[in-house]
Amino acid sequence: MYAKTGDWLIVEGRSVGGTVRHGLIEEVHGREGAPPYLVHWTDTGHRALTFPGPDAHVVTNDELRAQEVIAAAHFSSKHYRPSQRSTESAGA
């Protein structure tokens, strides 16, 4: 695993429906971008020296923003189109 200061550590949920944690990597303590990383976790606000496990990956700030834009577009109400049945019952 390789990271640099300003990258994000993403830890996927370990079980189905588990939460995904995001942490800003503030310091890299290993050689050539290797762990451990000092991570500022967004869910708790705590900072911790972290040795990521196999359920973790690193993304750049730009990659994280791109993922957020895609997710926002996916869940946006702009994509909602009422069914024919709901528009008929509204007019009745």
PDB file of N, CA and C in Angstrom:
ATOM      1  N   MET A   1       0.854  -1.173   0.000  1.00  0.00           N
ATOM      2  CA  MET A   1       0.000   0.000   0.000  1.00  0.00           C
ATOM      3  C   MET A   1       0.898   1.233   0.000  1.00  0.00           C
ATOM      4  N   TYR A   2       0.526   2.220  -0.800  1.00  0.00           N
ATOM      5  CA  TYR A   2       1.274   3.466  -0.919  1.00  0.00           C
ATOM      6  C   TYR A   2       0.332   4.634  -0.642  1.00  0.00           C
ATOM      7  N   ALA A   3       0.796   5.601   0.124  1.00  0.00           N
ATOM      8  CA  ALA A   3       0.005   6.804   0.380  1.00  0.00           C
ATOM      9  C   ALA A   3       0.949   7.979   0.598  1.00  0.00           C
ATOM     10  N   LYS A   4       0.354   9.161   0.472  1.00  0.00           N
ATOM     11  CA  LYS A   4       1.092  10.376   0.796  1.00  0.00           C
ATOM     12  C   LYS A   4       0.162  11.265   1.619  1.00  0.00           C
ATOM     13  N   THR A   5       0.750  12.222   2.295  1.00  0.00           N
ATOM     14  CA  THR A   5      -0.036  13.142   3.101  1.00  0.00           C
ATOM     15  C   THR A   5      -1.102  13.804   2.225  1.00  0.00           C
ATOM     16  N   GLY A   6      -2.339  13.841   2.730  1.00  0.00           N
ATOM     17  CA  GLY A   6      -3.446  14.427   1.978  1.00  0.00           C
ATOM     18  C   GLY A   6      -4.303  13.398   1.273  1.00  0.00           C
ATOM     19  N   ASP A   7      -3.826  12.148   1.172  1.00  0.00           N
ATOM     20  CA  ASP A   7      -4.645  11.073   0.612  1.00  0.00           C
ATOM     21  C   ASP A   7      -5.671  10.643   1.659  1.00  0.00           C
ATOM     22  N   TRP A   8      -6.602   9.817   1.228  1.00  0.00           N
ATOM     23  CA  TRP A   8      -7.657   9.323   2.108  1.00  0.00           C
ATOM     24  C   TRP A   8      -7.550   7.818   2.258  1.00  0.00           C
ATOM     25  N   LEU A   9      -7.704   7.349   3.490  1.00  0.00           N
ATOM     26  CA  LEU A   9      -7.761   5.928   3.764  1.00  0.00           C
ATOM     27  C   LEU A   9      -9.228   5.546   3.877  1.00  0.00           C
ATOM     28  N   ILE A  10      -9.649   4.599   3.054  1.00  0.00           N
ATOM     29  CA  ILE A  10     -11.031   4.130   3.060  1.00  0.00           C
ATOM     30  C   ILE A  10     -11.020   2.706   3.605  1.00  0.00           C
ATOM     31  N   VAL A  11     -11.801   2.465   4.657  1.00  0.00           N
ATOM     32  CA  VAL A  11     -11.910   1.131   5.231  1.00  0.00           C
ATOM     33  C   VAL A  11     -13.335   0.660   5.007  1.00  0.00           C
ATOM     34  N   GLU A  12     -13.462  -0.382   4.199  1.00  0.00           N
ATOM     35  CA  GLU A  12     -14.772  -0.930   3.876  1.00  0.00           C
ATOM     36  C   GLU A  12     -15.328  -1.663   5.095  1.00  0.00           C
ATOM     37  N   GLY A  13     -16.649  -1.754   5.179  1.00  0.00           N
ATOM     38  CA  GLY A  13     -17.279  -2.477   6.273  1.00  0.00           C
ATOM     39  C   GLY A  13     -16.888  -3.948   6.244  1.00  0.00           C
ATOM     40  N   ARG A  14     -16.693  -4.515   7.398  1.00  0.00           N
ATOM     41  CA  ARG A  14     -16.274  -5.919   7.481  1.00  0.00           C
ATOM     42  C   ARG A  14     -17.432  -6.886   7.373  1.00  0.00           C
ATOM     43  N   SER A  15     -18.652  -6.383   7.466  1.00  0.00           N
ATOM     44  CA  SER A  15     -19.820  -7.243   7.335  1.00  0.00           C
ATOM     45  C   SER A  15     -20.804  -6.579   6.372  1.00  0.00           C
ATOM     46  N   VAL A  16     -21.738  -7.356   5.900  1.00  0.00           N
ATOM     47  CA  VAL A  16     -22.744  -6.835   4.982  1.00  0.00           C
ATOM     48  C   VAL A  16     -23.507  -5.719   5.686  1.00  0.00           C
ATOM     49  N   GLY A  17     -23.577  -4.568   5.038  1.00  0.00           N
ATOM     50  CA  GLY A  17     -24.258  -3.423   5.628  1.00  0.00           C
ATOM     51  C   GLY A  17     -23.408  -2.653   6.617  1.00  0.00           C
ATOM     52  N   GLY A  18     -22.150  -3.056   6.764  1.00  0.00           N
ATOM     53  CA  GLY A  18     -21.244  -2.361   7.684  1.00  0.00           C
ATOM     54  C   GLY A  18     -20.915  -0.979   7.161  1.00  0.00           C
ATOM     55  N   THR A  19     -20.478  -0.135   8.067  1.00  0.00           N
ATOM     56  CA  THR A  19     -20.157   1.224   7.669  1.00  0.00           C
ATOM     57  C   THR A  19     -18.797   1.296   6.979  1.00  0.00           C
ATOM     58  N   VAL A  20     -18.659   2.294   6.143  1.00  0.00           N
ATOM     59  CA  VAL A  20     -17.392   2.581   5.474  1.00  0.00           C
ATOM     60  C   VAL A  20     -16.782   3.774   6.196  1.00  0.00           C
ATOM     61  N   ARG A  21     -15.517   3.636   6.603  1.00  0.00           N
ATOM     62  CA  ARG A  21     -14.840   4.730   7.308  1.00  0.00           C
ATOM     63  C   ARG A  21     -13.922   5.461   6.349  1.00  0.00           C
ATOM     64  N   HIS A  22     -13.874   6.787   6.514  1.00  0.00           N
ATOM     65  CA  HIS A  22     -12.978   7.638   5.745  1.00  0.00           C
ATOM     66  C   HIS A  22     -12.048   8.351   6.721  1.00  0.00           C
ATOM     67  N   GLY A  23     -10.777   8.362   6.371  1.00  0.00           N
ATOM     68  CA  GLY A  23      -9.820   9.055   7.210  1.00  0.00           C
ATOM     69  C   GLY A  23      -8.795   9.789   6.368  1.00  0.00           C
ATOM     70  N   LEU A  24      -8.507  11.014   6.741  1.00  0.00           N
ATOM     71  CA  LEU A  24      -7.500  11.819   6.052  1.00  0.00           C
ATOM     72  C   LEU A  24      -6.119  11.431   6.578  1.00  0.00           C
ATOM     73  N   ILE A  25      -5.232  11.084   5.673  1.00  0.00           N
ATOM     74  CA  ILE A  25      -3.883  10.711   6.066  1.00  0.00           C
ATOM     75  C   ILE A  25      -3.085  11.996   6.289  1.00  0.00           C
ATOM     76  N   GLU A  26      -2.705  12.222   7.544  1.00  0.00           N
ATOM     77  CA  GLU A  26      -1.987  13.444   7.905  1.00  0.00           C
ATOM     78  C   GLU A  26      -0.479  13.245   7.925  1.00  0.00           C
ATOM     79  N   GLU A  27      -0.036  12.025   8.199  1.00  0.00           N
ATOM     80  CA  GLU A  27       1.395  11.732   8.222  1.00  0.00           C
ATOM     81  C   GLU A  27       1.617  10.308   7.732  1.00  0.00           C
ATOM     82  N   VAL A  28       2.717  10.106   7.030  1.00  0.00           N
ATOM     83  CA  VAL A  28       3.122   8.779   6.571  1.00  0.00           C
ATOM     84  C   VAL A  28       4.394   8.430   7.335  1.00  0.00           C
ATOM     85  N   HIS A  29       4.368   7.346   8.081  1.00  0.00           N
ATOM     86  CA  HIS A  29       5.500   6.981   8.923  1.00  0.00           C
ATOM     87  C   HIS A  29       6.355   5.858   8.349  1.00  0.00           C
ATOM     88  N   GLY A  30       5.879   5.176   7.308  1.00  0.00           N
ATOM     89  CA  GLY A  30       6.643   4.106   6.690  1.00  0.00           C
ATOM     90  C   GLY A  30       7.529   4.633   5.573  1.00  0.00           C
ATOM     91  N   ARG A  31       8.398   3.761   5.095  1.00  0.00           N
ATOM     92  CA  ARG A  31       9.269   4.119   3.970  1.00  0.00           C
ATOM     93  C   ARG A  31       8.490   4.127   2.670  1.00  0.00           C
ATOM     94  N   GLU A  32       8.787   5.100   1.838  1.00  0.00           N
ATOM     95  CA  GLU A  32       8.223   5.188   0.483  1.00  0.00           C
ATOM     96  C   GLU A  32       6.701   5.047   0.465  1.00  0.00           C
ATOM     97  N   GLY A  33       6.029   5.707   1.396  1.00  0.00           N
ATOM     98  CA  GLY A  33       4.570   5.736   1.419  1.00  0.00           C
ATOM     99  C   GLY A  33       3.910   4.552   2.083  1.00  0.00           C
ATOM    100  N   ALA A  34       4.688   3.713   2.734  1.00  0.00           N
ATOM    101  CA  ALA A  34       4.133   2.531   3.390  1.00  0.00           C
ATOM    102  C   ALA A  34       3.561   2.878   4.764  1.00  0.00           C
ATOM    103  N   PRO A  35       2.642   2.055   5.270  1.00  0.00           N
ATOM    104  CA  PRO A  35       2.109   2.268   6.620  1.00  0.00           C
ATOM    105  C   PRO A  35       3.213   2.133   7.668  1.00  0.00           C
ATOM    106  N   PRO A  36       2.957   2.647   8.865  1.00  0.00           N
ATOM    107  CA  PRO A  36       1.689   3.159   9.388  1.00  0.00           C
ATOM    108  C   PRO A  36       1.439   4.606   8.985  1.00  0.00           C
ATOM    109  N   TYR A  37       0.160   4.983   9.095  1.00  0.00           N
ATOM    110  CA  TYR A  37      -0.274   6.329   8.754  1.00  0.00           C
ATOM    111  C   TYR A  37      -0.940   6.957   9.975  1.00  0.00           C
ATOM    112  N   LEU A  38      -0.701   8.259  10.171  1.00  0.00           N
ATOM    113  CA  LEU A  38      -1.480   8.999  11.156  1.00  0.00           C
ATOM    114  C   LEU A  38      -2.736   9.458  10.431  1.00  0.00           C
ATOM    115  N   VAL A  39      -3.876   8.947  10.877  1.00  0.00           N
ATOM    116  CA  VAL A  39      -5.148   9.166  10.181  1.00  0.00           C
ATOM    117  C   VAL A  39      -6.098   9.950  11.070  1.00  0.00           C
ATOM    118  N   HIS A  40      -6.721  10.966  10.487  1.00  0.00           N
ATOM    119  CA  HIS A  40      -7.770  11.744  11.156  1.00  0.00           C
ATOM    120  C   HIS A  40      -9.104  11.218  10.636  1.00  0.00           C
ATOM    121  N   TRP A  41      -9.802  10.471  11.495  1.00  0.00           N
ATOM    122  CA  TRP A  41     -11.047   9.813  11.084  1.00  0.00           C
ATOM    123  C   TRP A  41     -12.205  10.793  11.076  1.00  0.00           C
ATOM    124  N   THR A  42     -12.983  10.777   9.995  1.00  0.00           N
ATOM    125  CA  THR A  42     -14.094  11.719   9.859  1.00  0.00           C
ATOM    126  C   THR A  42     -15.276  11.349  10.738  1.00  0.00           C
ATOM    127  N   ASP A  43     -15.461  10.066  11.040  1.00  0.00           N
ATOM    128  CA  ASP A  43     -16.636   9.663  11.814  1.00  0.00           C
ATOM    129  C   ASP A  43     -16.507   9.951  13.304  1.00  0.00           C
ATOM    130  N   THR A  44     -15.291   9.936  13.825  1.00  0.00           N
ATOM    131  CA  THR A  44     -15.102  10.160  15.262  1.00  0.00           C
ATOM    132  C   THR A  44     -14.341  11.441  15.572  1.00  0.00           C
ATOM    133  N   GLY A  45     -13.601  11.963  14.587  1.00  0.00           N
ATOM    134  CA  GLY A  45     -12.770  13.129  14.814  1.00  0.00           C
ATOM    135  C   GLY A  45     -11.446  12.800  15.484  1.00  0.00           C
ATOM    136  N   HIS A  46     -11.233  11.528  15.801  1.00  0.00           N
ATOM    137  CA  HIS A  46      -9.988  11.117  16.454  1.00  0.00           C
ATOM    138  C   HIS A  46      -8.872  10.926  15.448  1.00  0.00           C
ATOM    139  N   ARG A  47      -7.654  11.078  15.937  1.00  0.00           N
ATOM    140  CA  ARG A  47      -6.459  10.792  15.146  1.00  0.00           C
ATOM    141  C   ARG A  47      -5.832   9.535  15.727  1.00  0.00           C
ATOM    142  N   ALA A  48      -5.373   8.654  14.846  1.00  0.00           N
ATOM    143  CA  ALA A  48      -4.767   7.408  15.318  1.00  0.00           C
ATOM    144  C   ALA A  48      -3.701   6.946  14.341  1.00  0.00           C
ATOM    145  N   LEU A  49      -2.652   6.349  14.887  1.00  0.00           N
ATOM    146  CA  LEU A  49      -1.640   5.714  14.074  1.00  0.00           C
ATOM    147  C   LEU A  49      -2.239   4.389  13.602  1.00  0.00           C
ATOM    148  N   THR A  50      -2.342   4.219  12.293  1.00  0.00           N
ATOM    149  CA  THR A  50      -3.110   3.118  11.725  1.00  0.00           C
ATOM    150  C   THR A  50      -2.269   2.250  10.807  1.00  0.00           C
ATOM    151  N   PHE A  51      -2.380   0.951  11.008  1.00  0.00           N
ATOM    152  CA  PHE A  51      -1.823  -0.049  10.101  1.00  0.00           C
ATOM    153  C   PHE A  51      -3.002  -0.648   9.352  1.00  0.00           C
ATOM    154  N   PRO A  52      -3.276  -0.204   8.113  1.00  0.00           N
ATOM    155  CA  PRO A  52      -4.469  -0.658   7.394  1.00  0.00           C
ATOM    156  C   PRO A  52      -4.454  -2.166   7.140  1.00  0.00           C
ATOM    157  N   GLY A  53      -5.633  -2.757   7.206  1.00  0.00           N
ATOM    158  CA  GLY A  53      -5.802  -4.170   6.930  1.00  0.00           C
ATOM    159  C   GLY A  53      -6.197  -4.401   5.475  1.00  0.00           C
ATOM    160  N   PRO A  54      -6.560  -5.644   5.143  1.00  0.00           N
ATOM    161  CA  PRO A  54      -6.910  -5.982   3.765  1.00  0.00           C
ATOM    162  C   PRO A  54      -8.224  -5.367   3.285  1.00  0.00           C
ATOM    163  N   ASP A  55      -9.016  -4.845   4.206  1.00  0.00           N
ATOM    164  CA  ASP A  55     -10.292  -4.224   3.842  1.00  0.00           C
ATOM    165  C   ASP A  55     -10.146  -2.724   3.603  1.00  0.00           C
ATOM    166  N   ALA A  56      -8.912  -2.240   3.499  1.00  0.00           N
ATOM    167  CA  ALA A  56      -8.656  -0.803   3.330  1.00  0.00           C
ATOM    168  C   ALA A  56      -7.964  -0.522   2.001  1.00  0.00           C
ATOM    169  N   HIS A  57      -8.178   0.695   1.497  1.00  0.00           N
ATOM    170  CA  HIS A  57      -7.461   1.153   0.312  1.00  0.00           C
ATOM    171  C   HIS A  57      -7.286   2.671   0.398  1.00  0.00           C
ATOM    172  N   VAL A  58      -6.337   3.159  -0.373  1.00  0.00           N
ATOM    173  CA  VAL A  58      -5.999   4.579  -0.371  1.00  0.00           C
ATOM    174  C   VAL A  58      -6.476   5.205  -1.670  1.00  0.00           C
ATOM    175  N   VAL A  59      -7.079   6.390  -1.569  1.00  0.00           N
ATOM    176  CA  VAL A  59      -7.469   7.158  -2.749  1.00  0.00           C
ATOM    177  C   VAL A  59      -6.960   8.593  -2.581  1.00  0.00           C
ATOM    178  N   THR A  60      -6.716   9.231  -3.702  1.00  0.00           N
ATOM    179  CA  THR A  60      -6.311  10.631  -3.655  1.00  0.00           C
ATOM    180  C   THR A  60      -7.541  11.496  -3.388  1.00  0.00           C
ATOM    181  N   ASN A  61      -7.314  12.744  -3.066  1.00  0.00           N
ATOM    182  CA  ASN A  61      -8.407  13.679  -2.842  1.00  0.00           C
ATOM    183  C   ASN A  61      -9.287  13.787  -4.087  1.00  0.00           C
ATOM    184  N   ASP A  62      -8.670  13.867  -5.270  1.00  0.00           N
ATOM    185  CA  ASP A  62      -9.426  13.971  -6.519  1.00  0.00           C
ATOM    186  C   ASP A  62     -10.267  12.723  -6.773  1.00  0.00           C
ATOM    187  N   GLU A  63      -9.703  11.552  -6.491  1.00  0.00           N
ATOM    188  CA  GLU A  63     -10.463  10.307  -6.683  1.00  0.00           C
ATOM    189  C   GLU A  63     -11.659  10.242  -5.738  1.00  0.00           C
ATOM    190  N   LEU A  64     -11.477  10.664  -4.493  1.00  0.00           N
ATOM    191  CA  LEU A  64     -12.581  10.660  -3.538  1.00  0.00           C
ATOM    192  C   LEU A  64     -13.677  11.614  -3.978  1.00  0.00           C
ATOM    193  N   ARG A  65     -13.309  12.802  -4.428  1.00  0.00           N
ATOM    194  CA  ARG A  65     -14.311  13.780  -4.897  1.00  0.00           C
ATOM    195  C   ARG A  65     -15.081  13.232  -6.107  1.00  0.00           C
ATOM    196  N   ALA A  66     -14.382  12.580  -7.023  1.00  0.00           N
ATOM    197  CA  ALA A  66     -15.042  12.006  -8.196  1.00  0.00           C
ATOM    198  C   ALA A  66     -16.047  10.934  -7.773  1.00  0.00           C
ATOM    199  N   GLN A  67     -15.681  10.109  -6.790  1.00  0.00           N
ATOM    200  CA  GLN A  67     -16.606   9.090  -6.292  1.00  0.00           C
ATOM    201  C   GLN A  67     -17.832   9.727  -5.650  1.00  0.00           C
ATOM    202  N   GLU A  68     -17.626  10.830  -4.926  1.00  0.00           N
ATOM    203  CA  GLU A  68     -18.745  11.521  -4.291  1.00  0.00           C
ATOM    204  C   GLU A  68     -19.684  12.136  -5.318  1.00  0.00           C
ATOM    205  N   VAL A  69     -19.140  12.686  -6.397  1.00  0.00           N
ATOM    206  CA  VAL A  69     -19.971  13.264  -7.460  1.00  0.00           C
ATOM    207  C   VAL A  69     -20.820  12.171  -8.109  1.00  0.00           C
ATOM    208  N   ILE A  70     -20.223  11.038  -8.363  1.00  0.00           N
ATOM    209  CA  ILE A  70     -20.961   9.923  -8.970  1.00  0.00           C
ATOM    210  C   ILE A  70     -22.061   9.448  -8.029  1.00  0.00           C
ATOM    211  N   ALA A  71     -21.747   9.309  -6.750  1.00  0.00           N
ATOM    212  CA  ALA A  71     -22.749   8.865  -5.780  1.00  0.00           C
ATOM    213  C   ALA A  71     -23.874   9.882  -5.658  1.00  0.00           C
ATOM    214  N   ALA A  72     -23.540  11.166  -5.639  1.00  0.00           N
ATOM    215  CA  ALA A  72     -24.566  12.208  -5.529  1.00  0.00           C
ATOM    216  C   ALA A  72     -25.485  12.188  -6.738  1.00  0.00           C
ATOM    217  N   ALA A  73     -24.928  11.990  -7.913  1.00  0.00           N
ATOM    218  CA  ALA A  73     -25.744  11.928  -9.122  1.00  0.00           C
ATOM    219  C   ALA A  73     -26.649  10.694  -9.102  1.00  0.00           C
ATOM    220  N   HIS A  74     -26.130   9.610  -8.581  1.00  0.00           N
ATOM    221  CA  HIS A  74     -26.895   8.362  -8.520  1.00  0.00           C
ATOM    222  C   HIS A  74     -28.106   8.494  -7.604  1.00  0.00           C
ATOM    223  N   PHE A  75     -27.926   9.192  -6.480  1.00  0.00           N
ATOM    224  CA  PHE A  75     -29.001   9.309  -5.500  1.00  0.00           C
ATOM    225  C   PHE A  75     -29.790  10.602  -5.622  1.00  0.00           C
ATOM    226  N   SER A  76     -29.500  11.405  -6.617  1.00  0.00           N
ATOM    227  CA  SER A  76     -30.153  12.693  -6.777  1.00  0.00           C
ATOM    228  C   SER A  76     -31.631  12.528  -7.110  1.00  0.00           C
ATOM    229  N   SER A  77     -32.455  13.437  -6.603  1.00  0.00           N
ATOM    230  CA  SER A  77     -33.878  13.408  -6.909  1.00  0.00           C
ATOM    231  C   SER A  77     -34.144  13.835  -8.347  1.00  0.00           C
ATOM    232  N   LYS A  78     -33.146  14.380  -9.028  1.00  0.00           N
ATOM    233  CA  LYS A  78     -33.327  14.771 -10.425  1.00  0.00           C
ATOM    234  C   LYS A  78     -33.591  13.553 -11.305  1.00  0.00           C
ATOM    235  N   HIS A  79     -33.167  12.399 -10.851  1.00  0.00           N
ATOM    236  CA  HIS A  79     -33.363  11.182 -11.625  1.00  0.00           C
ATOM    237  C   HIS A  79     -34.722  10.541 -11.352  1.00  0.00           C
ATOM    238  N   TYR A  80     -35.456  11.094 -10.409  1.00  0.00           N
ATOM    239  CA  TYR A  80     -36.733  10.530 -10.040  1.00  0.00           C
ATOM    240  C   TYR A  80     -37.793  10.948 -11.046  1.00  0.00           C
ATOM    241  N   ARG A  81     -38.482   9.972 -11.550  1.00  0.00           N
ATOM    242  CA  ARG A  81     -39.617  10.253 -12.440  1.00  0.00           C
ATOM    243  C   ARG A  81     -40.812   9.506 -11.876  1.00  0.00           C
ATOM    244  N   PRO A  82     -41.871  10.210 -11.565  1.00  0.00           N
ATOM    245  CA  PRO A  82     -43.038   9.532 -11.001  1.00  0.00           C
ATOM    246  C   PRO A  82     -43.624   8.548 -12.011  1.00  0.00           C
ATOM    247  N   SER A  83     -44.179   7.486 -11.490  1.00  0.00           N
ATOM    248  CA  SER A  83     -44.805   6.486 -12.360  1.00  0.00           C
ATOM    249  C   SER A  83     -46.099   7.055 -12.922  1.00  0.00           C
ATOM    250  N   GLN A  84     -46.562   6.441 -13.966  1.00  0.00           N
ATOM    251  CA  GLN A  84     -47.812   6.858 -14.598  1.00  0.00           C
ATOM    252  C   GLN A  84     -48.962   6.779 -13.603  1.00  0.00           C
ATOM    253  N   ARG A  85     -48.975   5.740 -12.788  1.00  0.00           N
ATOM    254  CA  ARG A  85     -50.045   5.532 -11.813  1.00  0.00           C
ATOM    255  C   ARG A  85     -50.070   6.686 -10.791  1.00  0.00           C
ATOM    256  N   SER A  86     -48.922   7.135 -10.300  1.00  0.00           N
ATOM    257  CA  SER A  86     -48.906   8.206  -9.291  1.00  0.00           C
ATOM    258  C   SER A  86     -49.357   9.534  -9.882  1.00  0.00           C
ATOM    259  N   THR A  87     -49.088   9.780 -11.166  1.00  0.00           N
ATOM    260  CA  THR A  87     -49.534  11.041 -11.768  1.00  0.00           C
ATOM    261  C   THR A  87     -51.027  11.009 -12.049  1.00  0.00           C
ATOM    262  N   GLU A  88     -51.561   9.826 -12.351  1.00  0.00           N
ATOM    263  CA  GLU A  88     -53.017   9.722 -12.592  1.00  0.00           C
ATOM    264  C   GLU A  88     -53.787   9.906 -11.297  1.00  0.00           C
ATOM    265  N   SER A  89     -53.297   9.304 -10.200  1.00  0.00           N
ATOM    266  CA  SER A  89     -54.025   9.416  -8.937  1.00  0.00           C
ATOM    267  C   SER A  89     -53.931  10.839  -8.372  1.00  0.00           C
ATOM    268  N   ALA A  90     -52.866  11.566  -8.702  1.00  0.00           N
ATOM    269  CA  ALA A  90     -52.727  12.930  -8.225  1.00  0.00           C
ATOM    270  C   ALA A  90     -53.750  13.840  -8.896  1.00  0.00           C
ATOM    271  N   GLY A  91     -54.109  13.542 -10.136  1.00  0.00           N
ATOM    272  CA  GLY A  91     -55.062  14.370 -10.860  1.00  0.00           C
ATOM    273  C   GLY A  91     -56.492  14.000 -10.582  1.00  0.00           C
ATOM    274  N   ALA A  92     -56.738  12.888  -9.937  1.00  0.00           N
ATOM    275  CA  ALA A  92     -58.104  12.414  -9.696  1.00  0.00           C
ATOM    276  C   ALA A  92     -58.731  13.040  -8.502  1.00  0.00           C
TER     277      ALA A  92
END
